[in-house]
N, C-alpha and C. Protein backbone atom coordinates (compact mmCIF):
# COMPACT_ATOMS: atom_id res chain seq x y z
N MET A 1 50.77 113.11 100.54
CA MET A 1 50.27 112.69 99.15
C MET A 1 48.90 112.74 98.73
N SER A 2 48.51 113.16 97.64
CA SER A 2 47.02 113.01 97.40
C SER A 2 46.50 111.66 96.88
N ASN A 3 45.30 111.36 96.83
CA ASN A 3 44.96 110.07 96.64
C ASN A 3 44.75 109.97 95.07
N ASP A 4 45.44 109.36 94.33
CA ASP A 4 45.46 109.65 92.83
C ASP A 4 45.11 108.31 92.24
N ARG A 5 44.50 107.24 92.94
CA ARG A 5 44.43 105.91 92.57
C ARG A 5 43.53 105.84 91.29
N HIS A 6 42.80 106.95 90.77
CA HIS A 6 42.05 106.89 89.72
C HIS A 6 42.61 107.41 88.47
N ALA A 7 43.56 108.28 88.86
CA ALA A 7 44.39 108.95 87.83
C ALA A 7 45.38 108.21 86.95
N LEU A 8 45.35 108.37 85.39
CA LEU A 8 45.96 107.78 84.60
C LEU A 8 47.42 108.19 84.93
N LYS A 9 48.22 107.31 84.42
CA LYS A 9 49.79 107.11 84.76
C LYS A 9 50.45 106.87 83.51
N PRO A 10 51.69 107.18 83.21
CA PRO A 10 52.16 107.00 81.88
C PRO A 10 52.18 105.44 81.42
N ASP A 11 52.28 104.77 82.54
CA ASP A 11 52.30 103.04 82.07
C ASP A 11 50.45 102.78 81.38
N ASP A 12 49.71 103.48 81.68
CA ASP A 12 48.29 103.35 81.38
C ASP A 12 48.44 103.41 79.62
N TYR A 13 49.28 104.35 79.14
CA TYR A 13 49.36 104.51 77.61
C TYR A 13 50.18 103.59 76.78
N THR A 14 50.67 102.49 77.63
CA THR A 14 51.49 101.70 76.75
C THR A 14 50.81 100.73 75.95
N ASP A 15 50.95 100.70 74.66
CA ASP A 15 50.34 100.13 73.71
C ASP A 15 49.04 100.79 72.91
N ALA A 16 48.67 102.01 73.32
CA ALA A 16 47.51 102.76 73.09
C ALA A 16 47.81 103.17 71.81
N TYR A 17 48.89 103.48 71.08
CA TYR A 17 48.99 103.86 69.74
C TYR A 17 48.92 102.46 68.81
N ALA A 18 49.47 101.55 69.21
CA ALA A 18 49.45 100.48 68.54
C ALA A 18 48.05 99.65 68.46
N THR A 19 47.26 99.77 69.29
CA THR A 19 45.77 99.25 69.73
C THR A 19 44.59 99.91 69.55
N ILE A 20 44.91 101.32 69.61
CA ILE A 20 43.70 102.07 69.51
C ILE A 20 43.88 103.60 68.86
N ASN A 21 45.13 103.41 68.26
CA ASN A 21 45.80 104.47 67.56
C ASN A 21 45.79 106.04 68.23
N THR A 22 45.91 105.96 69.60
CA THR A 22 46.00 107.23 70.18
C THR A 22 47.28 107.72 70.69
N ASP A 23 47.09 109.12 70.85
CA ASP A 23 48.32 109.75 71.37
C ASP A 23 48.14 110.16 72.91
N ARG A 24 49.04 110.82 73.31
CA ARG A 24 49.05 111.49 74.83
C ARG A 24 48.62 112.85 74.08
N GLY A 25 47.47 113.37 74.18
CA GLY A 25 47.17 114.67 73.50
C GLY A 25 47.12 115.58 74.58
N HIS A 26 47.87 116.71 74.27
CA HIS A 26 47.70 117.90 75.49
C HIS A 26 46.56 118.67 74.93
N LYS A 27 45.60 119.23 76.08
CA LYS A 27 44.60 119.98 75.97
C LYS A 27 45.09 121.50 75.77
N VAL A 28 46.03 121.70 76.50
CA VAL A 28 46.90 123.10 76.40
C VAL A 28 48.32 122.90 75.77
N PRO A 29 48.73 123.41 74.58
CA PRO A 29 49.95 122.92 73.91
C PRO A 29 51.29 123.59 74.99
N LEU A 30 52.38 122.67 75.09
CA LEU A 30 53.20 123.06 76.04
C LEU A 30 53.92 124.51 75.38
N VAL A 31 53.93 124.74 74.09
CA VAL A 31 54.54 125.64 73.24
C VAL A 31 53.93 127.11 73.87
N SER A 32 52.55 126.98 74.12
CA SER A 32 51.77 128.22 74.65
C SER A 32 52.39 128.78 76.04
N PHE A 33 53.17 127.79 76.71
CA PHE A 33 53.52 128.54 78.14
C PHE A 33 55.36 128.11 77.91
N SER A 34 55.78 128.02 76.87
CA SER A 34 57.38 127.98 77.03
C SER A 34 57.67 129.10 77.72
N LYS A 35 58.81 129.15 78.44
CA LYS A 35 59.76 130.09 78.78
C LYS A 35 58.85 130.88 79.88
N THR A 36 57.80 130.30 80.52
CA THR A 36 56.94 130.75 81.74
C THR A 36 57.05 129.76 82.92
N ALA A 37 56.74 130.34 84.03
CA ALA A 37 56.50 129.35 85.26
C ALA A 37 55.61 128.52 85.00
N GLU A 38 54.57 128.71 84.29
CA GLU A 38 53.56 127.49 84.12
C GLU A 38 53.71 126.52 83.13
N TRP A 39 54.68 126.36 82.52
CA TRP A 39 55.20 125.53 81.78
C TRP A 39 55.36 123.97 82.20
N LYS A 40 55.85 123.99 83.63
CA LYS A 40 55.83 122.51 84.06
C LYS A 40 54.30 122.11 84.48
N VAL A 41 53.36 123.07 84.81
CA VAL A 41 51.91 122.48 85.04
C VAL A 41 51.29 121.83 83.84
N THR A 42 51.67 122.57 82.68
CA THR A 42 50.92 121.90 81.60
C THR A 42 51.73 120.67 80.93
N ASN A 43 52.81 120.35 81.49
CA ASN A 43 53.11 118.97 81.11
C ASN A 43 53.11 117.88 82.09
N LEU A 44 51.83 117.98 82.63
CA LEU A 44 51.48 117.13 83.64
C LEU A 44 50.11 115.97 82.96
N LEU A 45 50.04 115.03 83.39
CA LEU A 45 49.09 113.87 82.75
C LEU A 45 47.73 114.56 82.96
N SER A 46 47.57 115.52 83.89
CA SER A 46 46.34 116.17 84.14
C SER A 46 45.80 117.18 82.87
N ASN A 47 46.90 117.61 81.81
CA ASN A 47 46.44 118.28 80.88
C ASN A 47 46.51 117.22 79.50
N ILE A 48 46.59 115.91 79.82
CA ILE A 48 46.74 115.04 78.67
C ILE A 48 45.67 114.18 78.72
N THR A 49 44.85 113.87 77.65
CA THR A 49 44.07 112.79 77.71
C THR A 49 44.42 111.92 76.34
N PRO A 50 43.91 110.81 76.22
CA PRO A 50 44.17 110.03 75.03
C PRO A 50 43.47 110.88 73.78
N GLN A 51 44.13 110.85 72.85
CA GLN A 51 43.41 111.55 71.70
C GLN A 51 43.90 110.87 70.41
N SER A 52 43.02 110.82 69.37
CA SER A 52 43.39 109.81 68.33
C SER A 52 44.39 110.51 67.73
N SER A 53 45.49 109.84 67.25
CA SER A 53 46.54 110.20 66.57
C SER A 53 45.99 111.15 65.24
N ALA A 54 45.11 110.72 64.28
CA ALA A 54 44.61 111.36 63.21
C ALA A 54 44.23 112.95 63.96
N LEU A 55 43.40 112.95 64.97
CA LEU A 55 42.99 114.19 65.43
C LEU A 55 44.30 115.04 65.73
N ASN A 56 45.12 114.45 66.78
CA ASN A 56 46.19 115.14 67.34
C ASN A 56 47.22 115.62 66.26
N GLN A 57 47.54 114.93 65.24
CA GLN A 57 48.49 115.34 64.35
C GLN A 57 47.88 115.96 63.39
N GLY A 58 46.68 115.90 63.18
CA GLY A 58 45.93 116.69 61.87
C GLY A 58 45.41 118.20 62.49
N PRO A 59 44.04 118.06 62.26
CA PRO A 59 43.25 119.60 62.81
C PRO A 59 43.42 120.16 64.07
N TRP A 60 43.62 118.99 65.04
CA TRP A 60 44.14 120.01 66.44
C TRP A 60 45.07 120.71 66.45
N VAL A 61 46.28 119.95 65.77
CA VAL A 61 47.70 120.76 65.72
C VAL A 61 47.58 121.96 65.00
N ARG A 62 46.84 121.92 63.68
CA ARG A 62 46.75 123.08 63.00
C ARG A 62 45.70 124.07 63.75
N LEU A 63 44.97 123.88 64.53
CA LEU A 63 44.17 124.86 65.22
C LEU A 63 45.13 125.54 66.29
N GLU A 64 45.91 124.71 67.12
CA GLU A 64 46.83 125.11 68.10
C GLU A 64 47.94 126.02 67.22
N SER A 65 48.40 125.60 66.14
CA SER A 65 49.27 126.57 65.39
C SER A 65 48.84 127.75 64.92
N ALA A 66 47.42 128.00 64.38
CA ALA A 66 46.72 129.09 64.34
C ALA A 66 46.54 130.12 65.30
N VAL A 67 46.09 129.35 66.53
CA VAL A 67 46.18 130.18 67.61
C VAL A 67 47.57 130.81 68.04
N GLN A 68 48.56 130.31 67.84
CA GLN A 68 49.99 130.55 68.38
C GLN A 68 50.08 131.77 67.32
N ASN A 69 50.19 131.62 65.92
CA ASN A 69 50.47 132.37 65.17
C ASN A 69 49.73 133.95 65.38
N HIS A 70 48.50 133.56 65.82
CA HIS A 70 47.54 134.87 66.08
C HIS A 70 48.18 135.77 67.13
N VAL A 71 48.57 134.87 68.21
CA VAL A 71 49.21 135.41 69.52
C VAL A 71 50.65 135.85 69.12
N GLY A 72 51.47 135.11 68.21
CA GLY A 72 52.53 135.68 68.01
C GLY A 72 52.64 137.04 66.99
N ASN A 73 51.65 137.19 66.55
CA ASN A 73 51.42 138.77 65.84
C ASN A 73 51.11 139.66 66.77
N GLY A 74 51.12 139.54 67.95
CA GLY A 74 50.93 140.53 69.19
C GLY A 74 49.46 140.57 69.62
N ASN A 75 48.81 139.81 69.35
CA ASN A 75 47.19 139.70 69.69
C ASN A 75 47.06 138.82 71.08
N ASP A 76 46.27 139.64 71.93
CA ASP A 76 45.87 138.71 73.25
C ASP A 76 44.71 137.97 73.08
N LEU A 77 44.80 136.64 73.14
CA LEU A 77 43.53 135.70 73.29
C LEU A 77 43.29 135.06 74.33
N TYR A 78 42.02 134.68 74.58
CA TYR A 78 41.49 133.89 75.61
C TYR A 78 41.21 132.58 75.09
N VAL A 79 41.54 131.35 75.67
CA VAL A 79 41.34 130.16 75.02
C VAL A 79 40.77 129.19 76.28
N VAL A 80 39.61 128.61 75.90
CA VAL A 80 38.90 127.72 76.82
C VAL A 80 38.95 126.39 75.93
N THR A 81 39.33 125.34 76.45
CA THR A 81 39.29 124.03 75.84
C THR A 81 39.01 123.01 76.74
N GLY A 82 38.29 121.94 76.29
CA GLY A 82 38.29 120.70 77.26
C GLY A 82 37.61 119.46 76.34
N PRO A 83 37.48 118.50 77.20
CA PRO A 83 36.98 117.18 76.32
C PRO A 83 35.54 117.03 76.43
N LEU A 84 34.97 116.27 75.57
CA LEU A 84 33.63 116.13 75.33
C LEU A 84 33.19 114.63 75.60
N TYR A 85 32.22 114.19 75.80
CA TYR A 85 31.90 113.08 75.98
C TYR A 85 30.21 112.83 75.73
N LYS A 86 30.28 112.65 74.49
CA LYS A 86 29.04 112.18 73.66
C LYS A 86 28.71 110.76 73.40
N TYR A 87 29.88 109.93 73.30
CA TYR A 87 29.59 108.52 72.94
C TYR A 87 31.03 107.73 73.20
N TYR A 88 30.88 106.47 73.46
CA TYR A 88 31.93 105.52 73.75
C TYR A 88 32.88 105.76 72.62
N PHE A 89 34.20 105.94 73.03
CA PHE A 89 35.30 106.03 71.76
C PHE A 89 35.96 104.72 72.05
N ALA A 90 36.91 104.47 73.18
CA ALA A 90 37.76 103.18 73.56
C ALA A 90 38.19 103.05 74.67
N GLU A 91 38.92 102.41 75.11
CA GLU A 91 39.68 102.03 76.37
C GLU A 91 41.36 102.13 76.29
N LEU A 92 41.86 102.59 77.21
CA LEU A 92 43.28 102.24 77.09
C LEU A 92 43.70 101.01 77.59
N PRO A 93 44.54 100.36 76.78
CA PRO A 93 44.35 98.95 76.70
C PRO A 93 45.19 98.48 78.24
N GLN A 94 46.03 99.07 78.59
CA GLN A 94 47.01 98.67 79.77
C GLN A 94 46.40 99.44 80.98
N ALA A 95 45.25 100.24 81.11
CA ALA A 95 44.99 101.10 82.19
C ALA A 95 44.17 100.06 83.15
N ASN A 96 44.77 100.09 84.61
CA ASN A 96 43.80 99.29 85.52
C ASN A 96 42.99 99.98 86.44
N GLU A 97 42.73 101.31 85.89
CA GLU A 97 41.69 101.99 86.71
C GLU A 97 40.37 102.52 85.71
N ALA A 98 39.37 102.96 86.51
CA ALA A 98 38.15 103.10 85.54
C ALA A 98 38.50 104.51 85.02
N HIS A 99 38.08 104.53 83.81
CA HIS A 99 38.33 106.12 82.98
C HIS A 99 37.46 106.08 81.75
N THR A 100 37.13 107.23 81.31
CA THR A 100 36.50 107.29 80.21
C THR A 100 37.05 108.20 79.12
N ILE A 101 37.36 107.67 77.99
CA ILE A 101 38.24 108.46 77.04
C ILE A 101 37.12 109.70 76.06
N PRO A 102 37.75 110.74 76.12
CA PRO A 102 36.66 111.55 75.43
C PRO A 102 36.21 111.28 74.04
N SER A 103 35.10 111.57 73.61
CA SER A 103 34.60 111.36 72.37
C SER A 103 35.17 112.23 71.43
N GLY A 104 35.41 113.53 71.83
CA GLY A 104 35.95 114.90 71.28
C GLY A 104 36.43 115.83 72.20
N TYR A 105 36.68 116.92 71.47
CA TYR A 105 37.23 117.89 72.25
C TYR A 105 36.63 119.21 71.61
N PHE A 106 36.67 120.57 72.66
CA PHE A 106 36.09 121.69 72.21
C PHE A 106 37.25 122.76 72.64
N LYS A 107 37.33 123.73 71.91
CA LYS A 107 38.27 124.77 71.89
C LYS A 107 37.63 126.29 71.61
N ILE A 108 37.34 127.20 72.50
CA ILE A 108 36.76 128.61 72.08
C ILE A 108 38.07 129.68 72.42
N VAL A 109 38.10 130.24 71.21
CA VAL A 109 39.20 131.25 71.10
C VAL A 109 38.46 132.83 71.19
N MET A 110 38.68 133.54 71.87
CA MET A 110 38.17 134.95 71.84
C MET A 110 39.54 135.91 71.89
N GLN A 111 38.96 137.15 71.30
CA GLN A 111 39.67 138.28 71.34
C GLN A 111 38.95 139.61 71.58
N GLN A 112 39.53 140.36 72.55
CA GLN A 112 38.81 141.71 72.81
C GLN A 112 39.46 142.88 72.42
N ASN A 113 38.88 143.73 72.01
CA ASN A 113 39.30 144.93 71.27
C ASN A 113 38.31 146.09 72.06
N GLY A 114 38.60 146.77 72.91
CA GLY A 114 37.90 147.55 73.50
C GLY A 114 36.43 147.04 73.95
N SER A 115 35.45 147.56 73.56
CA SER A 115 34.13 146.77 74.05
C SER A 115 33.62 145.63 72.96
N THR A 116 34.44 145.37 72.13
CA THR A 116 34.24 144.32 70.95
C THR A 116 34.84 143.12 71.33
N ILE A 117 34.05 141.99 71.47
CA ILE A 117 34.51 140.74 71.40
C ILE A 117 34.51 139.90 70.22
N LYS A 118 35.40 139.36 69.66
CA LYS A 118 35.29 138.34 68.81
C LYS A 118 35.68 136.82 69.26
N ALA A 119 34.59 136.12 68.98
CA ALA A 119 34.91 134.39 69.25
C ALA A 119 34.60 133.51 68.25
N SER A 120 35.40 132.34 68.46
CA SER A 120 35.20 131.50 67.46
C SER A 120 35.27 129.89 68.51
N ALA A 121 34.53 129.13 68.13
CA ALA A 121 34.31 127.94 68.82
C ALA A 121 34.56 126.76 67.98
N PHE A 122 35.15 125.56 68.42
CA PHE A 122 35.65 124.55 67.50
C PHE A 122 35.11 123.19 68.45
N ILE A 123 34.66 122.31 67.39
CA ILE A 123 34.26 120.81 68.20
C ILE A 123 35.14 120.01 67.27
N MET A 124 35.94 119.14 67.72
CA MET A 124 36.47 117.96 66.85
C MET A 124 36.28 116.72 67.60
N GLU A 125 35.79 115.85 66.79
CA GLU A 125 35.34 114.36 67.28
C GLU A 125 36.85 113.68 67.12
N GLN A 126 36.64 112.62 68.06
CA GLN A 126 38.10 111.66 67.80
C GLN A 126 38.22 110.93 66.65
N THR A 127 36.97 110.93 65.77
CA THR A 127 36.86 109.99 64.54
C THR A 127 37.43 111.09 63.21
N ALA A 128 37.85 112.19 63.85
CA ALA A 128 38.40 113.15 62.46
C ALA A 128 39.30 112.56 61.76
N SER A 129 39.59 112.94 60.75
CA SER A 129 40.78 112.64 59.81
C SER A 129 41.74 113.45 59.83
N ARG A 130 43.09 112.84 59.46
CA ARG A 130 44.34 113.71 59.66
C ARG A 130 43.99 114.78 58.78
N ASN A 131 43.49 114.78 57.73
CA ASN A 131 43.42 116.06 56.72
C ASN A 131 42.11 116.81 56.85
N ASP A 132 41.28 116.61 57.91
CA ASP A 132 40.11 117.35 58.09
C ASP A 132 40.76 118.96 58.51
N ASN A 133 40.02 119.65 58.10
CA ASN A 133 40.11 121.08 58.49
C ASN A 133 39.66 121.40 59.85
N PHE A 134 40.22 122.21 60.62
CA PHE A 134 39.89 122.65 62.08
C PHE A 134 38.24 123.65 61.98
């Protein structure tokens, strides 16, 4: 068994929505890997971080949908995403291990056609409004 004493567990998220308005935000959306062997590894807590509900259910999900729609139209994309740690955001109220909640997230989306590469980069803060545009 691996030493995961510092890893967040499902119970650590107890009361997170009620106290700091956060969801379990997937960095890589499950739908991106549905019907693939990789689906199981995207549904682990290692792919999840505390994400403000407004961000998770607003601009972040709209960006994920836009990426999915682009892929659904037959386009191959490369996507890189991860957390940012610029400032203190909050702590999970029930976590009993040290952790830092990201202050925001980035996503880079790239498409290659022959020797041409098109890329877009997005940075979203945890303080984003649900109505913000990605």
